[in-house]
C-alpha atoms as a PDB file:
ATOM      1  CA  UNK A   1     116.259 124.294 144.412  1.00  0.00           C
ATOM      2  CA  UNK A   2     118.109 124.111 147.719  1.00  0.00           C
ATOM      3  CA  UNK A   3     119.873 127.318 148.793  1.00  0.00           C
ATOM      4  CA  UNK A   4     122.355 127.892 151.605  1.00  0.00           C
ATOM      5  CA  UNK A   5     122.551 131.466 152.841  1.00  0.00           C
ATOM      6  CA  UNK A   6     125.762 132.139 154.739  1.00  0.00           C
ATOM      7  CA  UNK A   7     125.371 134.844 157.358  1.00  0.00           C
ATOM      8  CA  UNK A   8     128.841 136.420 157.486  1.00  0.00           C
ATOM      9  CA  UNK A   9     128.571 137.067 161.220  1.00  0.00           C
ATOM     10  CA  UNK A  10     127.948 134.698 164.122  1.00  0.00           C
ATOM     11  CA  UNK A  11     124.716 136.256 165.405  1.00  0.00           C
ATOM     12  CA  UNK A  12     122.015 133.606 165.766  1.00  0.00           C
ATOM     13  CA  UNK A  13     119.327 136.305 165.947  1.00  0.00           C
ATOM     14  CA  UNK A  14     120.461 137.836 162.647  1.00  0.00           C
ATOM     15  CA  UNK A  15     120.690 134.378 161.085  1.00  0.00           C
ATOM     16  CA  UNK A  16     117.069 133.693 162.046  1.00  0.00           C
ATOM     17  CA  UNK A  17     115.974 137.049 160.597  1.00  0.00           C
ATOM     18  CA  UNK A  18     117.796 136.384 157.321  1.00  0.00           C
ATOM     19  CA  UNK A  19     116.175 132.932 157.092  1.00  0.00           C
ATOM     20  CA  UNK A  20     112.687 134.346 157.747  1.00  0.00           C
ATOM     21  CA  UNK A  21     113.120 137.086 155.130  1.00  0.00           C
ATOM     22  CA  UNK A  22     114.337 134.571 152.527  1.00  0.00           C
ATOM     23  CA  UNK A  23     111.487 132.153 153.245  1.00  0.00           C
ATOM     24  CA  UNK A  24     108.918 134.968 153.021  1.00  0.00           C
ATOM     25  CA  UNK A  25     110.412 136.117 149.711  1.00  0.00           C
ATOM     26  CA  UNK A  26     110.625 132.648 148.151  1.00  0.00           C
ATOM     27  CA  UNK A  27     107.173 131.537 149.343  1.00  0.00           C
ATOM     28  CA  UNK A  28     108.094 127.865 149.307  1.00  0.00           C
ATOM     29  CA  UNK A  29     109.536 127.872 145.775  1.00  0.00           C
ATOM     30  CA  UNK A  30     112.957 126.813 147.101  1.00  0.00           C
ATOM     31  CA  UNK A  31     114.321 125.204 150.237  1.00  0.00           C
ATOM     32  CA  UNK A  32     116.362 127.677 152.264  1.00  0.00           C
ATOM     33  CA  UNK A  33     118.902 127.002 154.974  1.00  0.00           C
ATOM     34  CA  UNK A  34     120.704 129.861 156.688  1.00  0.00           C
ATOM     35  CA  UNK A  35     123.831 129.307 158.770  1.00  0.00           C
ATOM     36  CA  UNK A  36     125.932 131.690 160.866  1.00  0.00           C
ATOM     37  CA  UNK A  37     129.671 131.785 160.301  1.00  0.00           C
ATOM     38  CA  UNK A  38     131.658 129.967 162.963  1.00  0.00           C
ATOM     39  CA  UNK A  39     134.597 131.996 164.227  1.00  0.00           C
ATOM     40  CA  UNK A  40     133.200 135.278 162.941  1.00  0.00           C
ATOM     41  CA  UNK A  41     132.413 138.231 165.181  1.00  0.00           C
ATOM     42  CA  UNK A  42     128.817 138.901 166.216  1.00  0.00           C
ATOM     43  CA  UNK A  43     128.733 141.956 163.929  1.00  0.00           C
ATOM     44  CA  UNK A  44     130.740 142.890 160.830  1.00  0.00           C
ATOM     45  CA  UNK A  45     131.897 146.456 161.392  1.00  0.00           C
ATOM     46  CA  UNK A  46     135.533 146.661 160.318  1.00  0.00           C
ATOM     47  CA  UNK A  47     137.942 145.266 157.757  1.00  0.00           C
ATOM     48  CA  UNK A  48     139.345 143.085 160.526  1.00  0.00           C
ATOM     49  CA  UNK A  49     135.865 141.617 161.092  1.00  0.00           C
ATOM     50  CA  UNK A  50     135.645 140.766 157.394  1.00  0.00           C
ATOM     51  CA  UNK A  51     139.014 139.061 157.571  1.00  0.00           C
ATOM     52  CA  UNK A  52     137.924 137.049 160.615  1.00  0.00           C
ATOM     53  CA  UNK A  53     134.689 135.967 158.903  1.00  0.00           C
ATOM     54  CA  UNK A  54     136.178 134.898 155.562  1.00  0.00           C
ATOM     55  CA  UNK A  55     137.673 131.512 156.588  1.00  0.00           C
ATOM     56  CA  UNK A  56     134.435 130.329 158.193  1.00  0.00           C
ATOM     57  CA  UNK A  57     132.368 131.427 155.202  1.00  0.00           C
ATOM     58  CA  UNK A  58     134.676 129.595 152.809  1.00  0.00           C
ATOM     59  CA  UNK A  59     134.528 126.500 155.017  1.00  0.00           C
ATOM     60  CA  UNK A  60     130.695 126.515 155.062  1.00  0.00           C
ATOM     61  CA  UNK A  61     130.527 126.634 151.278  1.00  0.00           C
ATOM     62  CA  UNK A  62     133.265 124.047 150.873  1.00  0.00           C
ATOM     63  CA  UNK A  63     131.685 121.635 153.375  1.00  0.00           C
ATOM     64  CA  UNK A  64     128.262 121.914 151.730  1.00  0.00           C
ATOM     65  CA  UNK A  65     129.156 122.132 148.041  1.00  0.00           C
ATOM     66  CA  UNK A  66     127.486 118.849 147.056  1.00  0.00           C
ATOM     67  CA  UNK A  67     124.342 119.396 149.126  1.00  0.00           C
ATOM     68  CA  UNK A  68     123.133 122.759 147.762  1.00  0.00           C
ATOM     69  CA  UNK A  69     122.262 124.142 144.350  1.00  0.00           C
ATOM     70  CA  UNK A  70     123.171 127.730 145.240  1.00  0.00           C
ATOM     71  CA  UNK A  71     124.959 129.766 147.893  1.00  0.00           C
ATOM     72  CA  UNK A  72     124.341 133.324 149.000  1.00  0.00           C
ATOM     73  CA  UNK A  73     126.922 135.051 151.175  1.00  0.00           C
END
């Protein structure tokens, strides 16, 4: 199974941490890719941040629909 995890913020450090945690949890049973959300703030703290992140998250899923078996956002 190939899984795309969408980090709702744009932090590359957080994206790397999410990827590492997922890989440790799955122990090679699935392929995991984790991507930050383009156009999102570095942290999600407010309702405005959520609103800013949503279009990029939707775009990531839409652009990768055929390539992945599952999405986590």
